[in-house]
C-alpha atoms as a PDB file:
ATOM      1  CA  MET A   1      41.440 117.482 -79.534  1.00  0.00           C
ATOM      2  CA  LEU A   2      41.287 121.175 -80.151  1.00  0.00           C
ATOM      3  CA  SER A   3      43.918 122.804 -82.321  1.00  0.00           C
ATOM      4  CA  LYS A   4      46.196 125.526 -81.233  1.00  0.00           C
ATOM      5  CA  SER A   5      44.091 127.990 -83.182  1.00  0.00           C
ATOM      6  CA  SER A   6      40.997 126.900 -81.487  1.00  0.00           C
ATOM      7  CA  TYR A   7      42.600 127.268 -77.976  1.00  0.00           C
ATOM      8  CA  LEU A   8      43.783 130.804 -78.978  1.00  0.00           C
ATOM      9  CA  ILE A   9      40.358 131.869 -80.199  1.00  0.00           C
ATOM     10  CA  PHE A  10      38.860 130.470 -76.973  1.00  0.00           C
ATOM     11  CA  ILE A  11      41.273 132.330 -74.740  1.00  0.00           C
ATOM     12  CA  ILE A  12      40.912 135.609 -76.574  1.00  0.00           C
ATOM     13  CA  SER A  13      37.171 135.235 -76.499  1.00  0.00           C
ATOM     14  CA  GLY A  14      37.210 134.628 -72.820  1.00  0.00           C
ATOM     15  CA  VAL A  15      39.448 137.586 -72.036  1.00  0.00           C
ATOM     16  CA  ILE A  16      37.156 139.917 -74.065  1.00  0.00           C
ATOM     17  CA  GLY A  17      34.140 138.398 -72.453  1.00  0.00           C
ATOM     18  CA  ILE A  18      35.525 138.864 -68.879  1.00  0.00           C
ATOM     19  CA  SER A  19      36.745 142.374 -69.674  1.00  0.00           C
ATOM     20  CA  PHE A  20      33.240 143.463 -71.005  1.00  0.00           C
ATOM     21  CA  TRP A  21      31.512 141.950 -68.027  1.00  0.00           C
ATOM     22  CA  ILE A  22      33.774 143.679 -65.533  1.00  0.00           C
ATOM     23  CA  GLY A  23      33.479 146.918 -67.534  1.00  0.00           C
ATOM     24  CA  PHE A  24      29.704 147.001 -67.505  1.00  0.00           C
ATOM     25  CA  ASN A  25      29.276 145.734 -63.936  1.00  0.00           C
ATOM     26  CA  VAL A  26      31.951 147.218 -61.807  1.00  0.00           C
ATOM     27  CA  ASN A  27      31.611 151.102 -61.206  1.00  0.00           C
ATOM     28  CA  LEU A  28      34.646 152.846 -60.033  1.00  0.00           C
ATOM     29  CA  LEU A  29      33.338 156.310 -60.405  1.00  0.00           C
ATOM     30  CA  PRO A  30      31.421 158.477 -57.954  1.00  0.00           C
ATOM     31  CA  THR A  31      27.714 159.153 -58.124  1.00  0.00           C
ATOM     32  CA  GLU A  32      26.459 160.948 -61.360  1.00  0.00           C
ATOM     33  CA  ALA A  33      25.184 164.356 -60.455  1.00  0.00           C
ATOM     34  CA  SER A  34      25.184 166.404 -63.845  1.00  0.00           C
ATOM     35  CA  ILE A  35      24.002 165.828 -67.365  1.00  0.00           C
ATOM     36  CA  ASN A  36      27.564 165.474 -68.520  1.00  0.00           C
ATOM     37  CA  ALA A  37      28.267 162.586 -66.216  1.00  0.00           C
ATOM     38  CA  PRO A  38      26.573 159.794 -68.170  1.00  0.00           C
ATOM     39  CA  ILE A  39      28.255 160.899 -71.261  1.00  0.00           C
ATOM     40  CA  TYR A  40      31.652 160.960 -69.797  1.00  0.00           C
ATOM     41  CA  ASP A  41      31.091 157.557 -68.113  1.00  0.00           C
ATOM     42  CA  GLU A  42      30.584 156.045 -71.537  1.00  0.00           C
ATOM     43  CA  LEU A  43      34.161 157.023 -72.452  1.00  0.00           C
ATOM     44  CA  PHE A  44      35.553 155.753 -69.117  1.00  0.00           C
ATOM     45  CA  LYS A  45      33.730 152.419 -69.532  1.00  0.00           C
ATOM     46  CA  ILE A  46      35.263 151.907 -73.058  1.00  0.00           C
ATOM     47  CA  LEU A  47      38.806 152.865 -71.897  1.00  0.00           C
ATOM     48  CA  PHE A  48      38.478 150.689 -68.783  1.00  0.00           C
ATOM     49  CA  ILE A  49      37.367 147.722 -70.915  1.00  0.00           C
ATOM     50  CA  ILE A  50      40.268 148.184 -73.462  1.00  0.00           C
ATOM     51  CA  GLY A  51      42.689 148.479 -70.462  1.00  0.00           C
ATOM     52  CA  LEU A  52      41.297 145.233 -68.959  1.00  0.00           C
ATOM     53  CA  ILE A  53      41.697 143.357 -72.290  1.00  0.00           C
ATOM     54  CA  LEU A  54      45.238 144.502 -72.465  1.00  0.00           C
ATOM     55  CA  PHE A  55      46.018 143.938 -68.805  1.00  0.00           C
ATOM     56  CA  ILE A  56      44.543 140.463 -68.675  1.00  0.00           C
ATOM     57  CA  GLY A  57      45.671 139.386 -72.031  1.00  0.00           C
ATOM     58  CA  MET A  58      49.333 140.598 -71.335  1.00  0.00           C
ATOM     59  CA  SER A  59      49.229 138.885 -67.856  1.00  0.00           C
ATOM     60  CA  LEU A  60      48.260 135.632 -69.392  1.00  0.00           C
ATOM     61  CA  LEU A  61      50.895 135.984 -72.123  1.00  0.00           C
ATOM     62  CA  VAL A  62      53.589 136.618 -69.529  1.00  0.00           C
ATOM     63  CA  VAL A  63      52.500 133.572 -67.446  1.00  0.00           C
ATOM     64  CA  TYR A  64      52.445 131.386 -70.499  1.00  0.00           C
ATOM     65  CA  SER A  65      55.936 132.619 -71.511  1.00  0.00           C
ATOM     66  CA  LEU A  66      57.349 131.894 -67.929  1.00  0.00           C
ATOM     67  CA  ILE A  67      56.128 128.278 -68.262  1.00  0.00           C
ATOM     68  CA  LYS A  68      56.653 127.588 -72.047  1.00  0.00           C
ATOM     69  CA  PHE A  69      60.131 129.210 -72.337  1.00  0.00           C
ATOM     70  CA  ARG A  70      61.539 128.495 -69.020  1.00  0.00           C
ATOM     71  CA  LYS A  71      65.136 127.368 -68.830  1.00  0.00           C
ATOM     72  CA  ARG A  72      65.242 123.538 -69.151  1.00  0.00           C
ATOM     73  CA  LYS A  73      67.593 121.328 -67.293  1.00  0.00           C
ATOM     74  CA  GLY A  74      70.935 121.215 -69.028  1.00  0.00           C
ATOM     75  CA  GLN A  75      70.059 124.135 -71.341  1.00  0.00           C
ATOM     76  CA  ILE A  76      72.869 126.422 -72.174  1.00  0.00           C
ATOM     77  CA  GLY A  77      72.224 129.976 -73.653  1.00  0.00           C
ATOM     78  CA  ASP A  78      68.982 131.778 -74.239  1.00  0.00           C
ATOM     79  CA  GLY A  79      67.762 129.849 -77.195  1.00  0.00           C
ATOM     80  CA  ILE A  80      67.060 130.956 -80.747  1.00  0.00           C
ATOM     81  CA  ALA A  81      66.210 134.647 -81.000  1.00  0.00           C
ATOM     82  CA  LEU A  82      63.014 135.663 -82.762  1.00  0.00           C
ATOM     83  CA  GLU A  83      63.792 138.064 -85.575  1.00  0.00           C
ATOM     84  CA  GLY A  84      62.605 138.936 -89.064  1.00  0.00           C
ATOM     85  CA  ASN A  85      58.977 138.024 -88.372  1.00  0.00           C
ATOM     86  CA  LEU A  86      57.197 140.446 -90.752  1.00  0.00           C
ATOM     87  CA  LYS A  87      53.692 139.195 -89.880  1.00  0.00           C
ATOM     88  CA  LEU A  88      54.280 139.649 -86.199  1.00  0.00           C
ATOM     89  CA  GLU A  89      55.650 143.268 -86.677  1.00  0.00           C
ATOM     90  CA  ILE A  90      52.563 144.189 -88.727  1.00  0.00           C
ATOM     91  CA  ILE A  91      50.274 142.818 -86.163  1.00  0.00           C
ATOM     92  CA  TRP A  92      51.753 144.617 -83.152  1.00  0.00           C
ATOM     93  CA  THR A  93      51.823 147.857 -85.250  1.00  0.00           C
ATOM     94  CA  VAL A  94      48.325 147.785 -86.788  1.00  0.00           C
ATOM     95  CA  ILE A  95      46.430 146.751 -83.752  1.00  0.00           C
ATOM     96  CA  PRO A  96      47.748 149.576 -81.410  1.00  0.00           C
ATOM     97  CA  SER A  97      47.333 152.059 -84.182  1.00  0.00           C
ATOM     98  CA  ILE A  98      43.714 151.033 -84.687  1.00  0.00           C
ATOM     99  CA  ILE A  99      43.142 151.265 -80.900  1.00  0.00           C
ATOM    100  CA  VAL A 100      44.751 154.689 -80.574  1.00  0.00           C
ATOM    101  CA  LEU A 101      42.756 155.956 -83.571  1.00  0.00           C
ATOM    102  CA  PHE A 102      39.474 154.547 -82.206  1.00  0.00           C
ATOM    103  CA  VAL A 103      40.049 156.076 -78.695  1.00  0.00           C
ATOM    104  CA  GLY A 104      41.021 159.522 -80.268  1.00  0.00           C
ATOM    105  CA  LEU A 105      37.891 159.687 -82.528  1.00  0.00           C
ATOM    106  CA  TYR A 106      35.652 158.452 -79.756  1.00  0.00           C
ATOM    107  CA  SER A 107      37.105 160.958 -77.195  1.00  0.00           C
ATOM    108  CA  TYR A 108      36.516 163.839 -79.648  1.00  0.00           C
ATOM    109  CA  ASN A 109      32.954 162.570 -80.072  1.00  0.00           C
ATOM    110  CA  ILE A 110      32.273 162.475 -76.301  1.00  0.00           C
ATOM    111  CA  TYR A 111      33.923 165.893 -75.837  1.00  0.00           C
ATOM    112  CA  ASP A 112      31.695 167.378 -78.622  1.00  0.00           C
ATOM    113  CA  ARG A 113      28.499 165.758 -76.942  1.00  0.00           C
ATOM    114  CA  MET A 114      29.565 167.231 -73.635  1.00  0.00           C
ATOM    115  CA  GLY A 115      29.549 170.642 -75.291  1.00  0.00           C
ATOM    116  CA  GLY A 116      33.324 171.314 -75.524  1.00  0.00           C
ATOM    117  CA  MET A 117      32.813 172.228 -79.279  1.00  0.00           C
ATOM    118  CA  ASN A 118      29.689 174.314 -78.675  1.00  0.00           C
ATOM    119  CA  GLU A 119      29.824 178.169 -78.638  1.00  0.00           C
ATOM    120  CA  LEU A 120      28.926 179.249 -75.180  1.00  0.00           C
ATOM    121  CA  ASN A 121      25.660 181.186 -75.000  1.00  0.00           C
ATOM    122  CA  HIS A 122      26.173 183.144 -71.895  1.00  0.00           C
ATOM    123  CA  ASP A 123      25.765 186.767 -70.726  1.00  0.00           C
ATOM    124  CA  HIS A 124      28.466 187.963 -68.282  1.00  0.00           C
ATOM    125  CA  SER A 125      28.490 191.386 -69.616  1.00  0.00           C
ATOM    126  CA  ALA A 126      27.563 192.638 -66.204  1.00  0.00           C
ATOM    127  CA  MET A 127      30.651 191.103 -64.702  1.00  0.00           C
ATOM    128  CA  GLY A 128      33.355 192.771 -66.550  1.00  0.00           C
ATOM    129  CA  ASN A 129      34.650 194.740 -69.559  1.00  0.00           C
ATOM    130  CA  ASN A 130      32.894 193.775 -72.850  1.00  0.00           C
ATOM    131  CA  SER A 131      36.207 193.878 -74.512  1.00  0.00           C
ATOM    132  CA  GLU A 132      37.721 191.267 -72.245  1.00  0.00           C
ATOM    133  CA  LYS A 133      38.655 188.008 -73.945  1.00  0.00           C
ATOM    134  CA  ILE A 134      36.680 185.056 -72.507  1.00  0.00           C
ATOM    135  CA  TRP A 135      38.059 181.484 -72.831  1.00  0.00           C
ATOM    136  CA  ALA A 136      35.238 179.036 -73.291  1.00  0.00           C
ATOM    137  CA  GLY A 137      34.907 175.749 -71.389  1.00  0.00           C
ATOM    138  CA  ILE A 138      32.371 172.977 -71.576  1.00  0.00           C
ATOM    139  CA  SER A 139      28.740 174.001 -72.460  1.00  0.00           C
ATOM    140  CA  GLN A 140      26.008 171.415 -72.577  1.00  0.00           C
ATOM    141  CA  SER A 141      22.679 173.159 -73.329  1.00  0.00           C
ATOM    142  CA  ASN A 142      19.418 171.420 -72.306  1.00  0.00           C
ATOM    143  CA  ASN A 143      16.403 172.632 -74.465  1.00  0.00           C
ATOM    144  CA  ASN A 144      14.128 172.316 -71.426  1.00  0.00           C
ATOM    145  CA  LEU A 145      16.078 174.740 -69.343  1.00  0.00           C
ATOM    146  CA  GLY A 146      15.569 177.989 -71.240  1.00  0.00           C
ATOM    147  CA  LEU A 147      17.989 180.769 -70.900  1.00  0.00           C
ATOM    148  CA  ILE A 148      20.825 180.559 -68.430  1.00  0.00           C
ATOM    149  CA  ASP A 149      19.746 182.791 -65.465  1.00  0.00           C
ATOM    150  CA  THR A 150      22.273 181.715 -62.840  1.00  0.00           C
ATOM    151  CA  ASN A 151      25.490 183.526 -63.474  1.00  0.00           C
ATOM    152  CA  ILE A 152      28.290 183.303 -60.896  1.00  0.00           C
ATOM    153  CA  GLU A 153      31.905 184.540 -60.751  1.00  0.00           C
ATOM    154  CA  VAL A 154      34.535 182.187 -59.322  1.00  0.00           C
ATOM    155  CA  SER A 155      37.698 183.609 -57.910  1.00  0.00           C
ATOM    156  CA  ALA A 156      40.558 181.113 -57.349  1.00  0.00           C
ATOM    157  CA  MET A 157      43.516 182.122 -55.169  1.00  0.00           C
ATOM    158  CA  GLN A 158      46.037 180.455 -52.864  1.00  0.00           C
ATOM    159  CA  PHE A 159      44.375 178.588 -51.376  1.00  0.00           C
ATOM    160  CA  ALA A 160      40.628 179.084 -51.661  1.00  0.00           C
ATOM    161  CA  PHE A 161      37.636 179.555 -53.979  1.00  0.00           C
ATOM    162  CA  LEU A 162      35.401 182.471 -53.616  1.00  0.00           C
ATOM    163  CA  PHE A 163      31.858 182.696 -55.397  1.00  0.00           C
ATOM    164  CA  ASN A 164      30.411 186.040 -56.180  1.00  0.00           C
ATOM    165  CA  TYR A 165      26.674 186.397 -56.965  1.00  0.00           C
ATOM    166  CA  PRO A 166      26.383 189.582 -59.083  1.00  0.00           C
ATOM    167  CA  LYS A 167      22.561 189.645 -59.030  1.00  0.00           C
ATOM    168  CA  GLY A 168      22.669 189.540 -55.209  1.00  0.00           C
ATOM    169  CA  ASP A 169      25.860 191.594 -54.913  1.00  0.00           C
ATOM    170  CA  PHE A 170      27.338 189.178 -52.276  1.00  0.00           C
ATOM    171  CA  ILE A 171      30.229 186.646 -51.949  1.00  0.00           C
ATOM    172  CA  SER A 172      30.030 183.218 -50.483  1.00  0.00           C
ATOM    173  CA  GLY A 173      32.602 180.551 -49.528  1.00  0.00           C
ATOM    174  CA  GLU A 174      30.142 177.926 -50.829  1.00  0.00           C
ATOM    175  CA  LEU A 175      28.727 177.482 -54.226  1.00  0.00           C
ATOM    176  CA  HIS A 176      24.871 177.186 -54.096  1.00  0.00           C
ATOM    177  CA  VAL A 177      23.023 176.390 -57.304  1.00  0.00           C
ATOM    178  CA  PRO A 178      19.522 175.070 -58.123  1.00  0.00           C
ATOM    179  CA  VAL A 179      19.096 171.518 -59.404  1.00  0.00           C
ATOM    180  CA  ASN A 180      18.210 170.993 -63.096  1.00  0.00           C
ATOM    181  CA  LYS A 181      19.118 174.463 -64.104  1.00  0.00           C
ATOM    182  CA  GLU A 182      22.012 175.372 -66.409  1.00  0.00           C
ATOM    183  CA  ILE A 183      24.729 177.179 -64.423  1.00  0.00           C
ATOM    184  CA  SER A 184      27.229 179.585 -65.978  1.00  0.00           C
ATOM    185  CA  VAL A 185      30.489 180.411 -64.035  1.00  0.00           C
ATOM    186  CA  LYS A 186      33.091 182.871 -65.037  1.00  0.00           C
ATOM    187  CA  MET A 187      36.303 181.877 -63.422  1.00  0.00           C
ATOM    188  CA  GLU A 188      39.510 183.973 -62.806  1.00  0.00           C
ATOM    189  CA  SER A 189      42.715 183.287 -60.981  1.00  0.00           C
ATOM    190  CA  LYS A 190      44.114 185.913 -58.761  1.00  0.00           C
ATOM    191  CA  ASP A 191      47.752 184.428 -58.680  1.00  0.00           C
ATOM    192  CA  VAL A 192      48.726 181.075 -60.323  1.00  0.00           C
ATOM    193  CA  ILE A 193      47.113 178.292 -62.368  1.00  0.00           C
ATOM    194  CA  HIS A 194      44.329 176.609 -60.446  1.00  0.00           C
ATOM    195  CA  ALA A 195      41.675 174.079 -61.553  1.00  0.00           C
ATOM    196  CA  PHE A 196      37.853 173.846 -60.993  1.00  0.00           C
ATOM    197  CA  TRP A 197      37.123 170.032 -60.552  1.00  0.00           C
ATOM    198  CA  ILE A 198      33.839 168.546 -59.445  1.00  0.00           C
ATOM    199  CA  PRO A 199      34.207 164.693 -59.705  1.00  0.00           C
ATOM    200  CA  GLU A 200      30.525 163.874 -59.480  1.00  0.00           C
ATOM    201  CA  PHE A 201      29.839 166.381 -62.377  1.00  0.00           C
ATOM    202  CA  ARG A 202      32.635 164.906 -64.448  1.00  0.00           C
ATOM    203  CA  ILE A 203      33.867 168.471 -65.242  1.00  0.00           C
ATOM    204  CA  LYS A 204      37.290 170.054 -64.863  1.00  0.00           C
ATOM    205  CA  GLN A 205      38.527 173.305 -66.214  1.00  0.00           C
ATOM    206  CA  ASP A 206      41.875 175.093 -65.629  1.00  0.00           C
ATOM    207  CA  ILE A 207      41.775 178.603 -64.230  1.00  0.00           C
ATOM    208  CA  ILE A 208      44.697 180.560 -65.757  1.00  0.00           C
ATOM    209  CA  PRO A 209      45.808 184.054 -64.633  1.00  0.00           C
ATOM    210  CA  GLY A 210      44.865 186.780 -67.174  1.00  0.00           C
ATOM    211  CA  GLN A 211      42.492 184.426 -69.130  1.00  0.00           C
ATOM    212  CA  PRO A 212      38.973 184.370 -67.660  1.00  0.00           C
ATOM    213  CA  THR A 213      37.149 181.155 -68.386  1.00  0.00           C
ATOM    214  CA  VAL A 214      33.556 180.368 -68.707  1.00  0.00           C
ATOM    215  CA  LEU A 215      32.165 176.950 -67.748  1.00  0.00           C
ATOM    216  CA  ASN A 216      28.537 175.903 -68.165  1.00  0.00           C
ATOM    217  CA  PHE A 217      27.030 172.803 -66.392  1.00  0.00           C
ATOM    218  CA  THR A 218      23.695 171.496 -65.219  1.00  0.00           C
ATOM    219  CA  PRO A 219      23.483 169.642 -61.930  1.00  0.00           C
ATOM    220  CA  THR A 220      20.860 166.933 -61.718  1.00  0.00           C
ATOM    221  CA  LYS A 221      20.988 165.602 -58.222  1.00  0.00           C
ATOM    222  CA  VAL A 222      20.491 167.496 -55.002  1.00  0.00           C
ATOM    223  CA  GLY A 223      23.365 167.082 -52.589  1.00  0.00           C
ATOM    224  CA  LYS A 224      26.684 168.577 -51.390  1.00  0.00           C
ATOM    225  CA  TYR A 225      29.753 167.713 -53.538  1.00  0.00           C
ATOM    226  CA  PRO A 226      33.392 168.727 -53.368  1.00  0.00           C
ATOM    227  CA  ILE A 227      35.120 171.298 -55.479  1.00  0.00           C
ATOM    228  CA  ILE A 228      38.755 170.395 -55.688  1.00  0.00           C
ATOM    229  CA  CYS A 229      41.752 172.185 -57.247  1.00  0.00           C
ATOM    230  CA  ALA A 230      43.348 169.785 -59.445  1.00  0.00           C
ATOM    231  CA  GLU A 231      46.573 171.824 -60.332  1.00  0.00           C
ATOM    232  CA  LEU A 232      49.559 172.008 -58.214  1.00  0.00           C
ATOM    233  CA  CYS A 233      49.328 175.577 -56.882  1.00  0.00           C
ATOM    234  CA  GLY A 234      51.607 175.735 -54.012  1.00  0.00           C
ATOM    235  CA  PRO A 235      52.405 174.030 -50.670  1.00  0.00           C
ATOM    236  CA  TYR A 236      48.683 173.969 -49.434  1.00  0.00           C
ATOM    237  CA  HIS A 237      47.267 172.819 -52.722  1.00  0.00           C
ATOM    238  CA  GLY A 238      45.902 169.732 -51.194  1.00  0.00           C
ATOM    239  CA  GLY A 239      43.708 171.771 -48.814  1.00  0.00           C
ATOM    240  CA  MET A 240      42.241 174.103 -51.549  1.00  0.00           C
ATOM    241  CA  ARG A 241      38.739 172.749 -51.517  1.00  0.00           C
ATOM    242  CA  ALA A 242      35.250 174.123 -51.386  1.00  0.00           C
ATOM    243  CA  SER A 243      31.622 172.712 -51.656  1.00  0.00           C
ATOM    244  CA  ILE A 244      28.947 172.933 -54.137  1.00  0.00           C
ATOM    245  CA  ILE A 245      25.461 172.737 -52.678  1.00  0.00           C
ATOM    246  CA  VAL A 246      22.817 171.633 -55.142  1.00  0.00           C
ATOM    247  CA  GLU A 247      19.327 172.541 -53.953  1.00  0.00           C
ATOM    248  CA  GLU A 248      15.695 172.516 -55.030  1.00  0.00           C
ATOM    249  CA  GLN A 249      14.818 175.778 -56.695  1.00  0.00           C
ATOM    250  CA  SER A 250      12.668 177.074 -53.679  1.00  0.00           C
ATOM    251  CA  ASP A 251      15.643 176.186 -51.185  1.00  0.00           C
ATOM    252  CA  TYR A 252      18.063 177.920 -53.453  1.00  0.00           C
ATOM    253  CA  GLU A 253      15.860 181.161 -53.682  1.00  0.00           C
ATOM    254  CA  ASN A 254      15.523 181.217 -49.972  1.00  0.00           C
ATOM    255  CA  TRP A 255      19.207 180.977 -49.524  1.00  0.00           C
ATOM    256  CA  PHE A 256      19.927 183.714 -52.212  1.00  0.00           C
ATOM    257  CA  ASN A 257      17.272 186.000 -50.654  1.00  0.00           C
ATOM    258  CA  GLN A 258      18.744 185.610 -47.188  1.00  0.00           C
ATOM    259  CA  ASN A 259      22.307 186.565 -48.576  1.00  0.00           C
ATOM    260  CA  LYS A 260      21.612 189.244 -51.073  1.00  0.00           C
ATOM    261  CA  LYS A 261      22.232 192.790 -50.010  1.00  0.00           C
ATOM    262  CA  ASP A 262      19.453 194.549 -48.163  1.00  0.00           C
ATOM    263  CA  GLU A 263      18.883 197.204 -50.765  1.00  0.00           C
ATOM    264  CA  LEU A 264      18.104 194.378 -53.363  1.00  0.00           C
ATOM    265  CA  LYS A 265      15.523 192.795 -51.051  1.00  0.00           C
ATOM    266  CA  ALA A 266      13.086 195.486 -51.464  1.00  0.00           C
END
């Protein structure tokens, strides 16, 4: 007959195994549509697995406690209290500390790989005053992309996004970008705090009044994706949405040429 330690090891191994299987086989995220998405998904997968281990483990412990320590017939009182167990206190202090430290360091590594610690290599000098302070966002460079040649201004206001294309001197209600090209957007708020969130790209950047923010990203899949304001900005916050249209280079150029000012078409 197996000892209590053997049963405990078997149960812990089973919980960890089930959690890893679910974590790697159940995808709760939307489609991956940018070069940042697979990197972010690594972190989500790890956090999902840790959460599953804790959830399943604690659920089993609660069920076991309900059965093992239920009130017996004729029992009076709550039984002997558990106190002064130094080993148990060390365990439930050390294990969470290790988990929190691991998650923090791993999150920092993911943020760095996504480009959050990179200096943005952008040129929005044509968009505003050179002395203006620009707050950097995420910038993931791809060596095969060359210099950024798609610079777009985003204006956020209650309750809409507007997209200005300085090279074409026109404004659009939809954000059109070419696939597999690094895009640089300079974002400004006209009133309150908003957020620029594209779930399929795994990017979200706050847009703060008086603090222009630059965000670089690279779409990798042709399609139409929602742009959502993820900061409570007023009574119609839930309806503050736009669309980003990722197109092949030729389709994007056709759309751009059709919309740019007539004097620039010559």
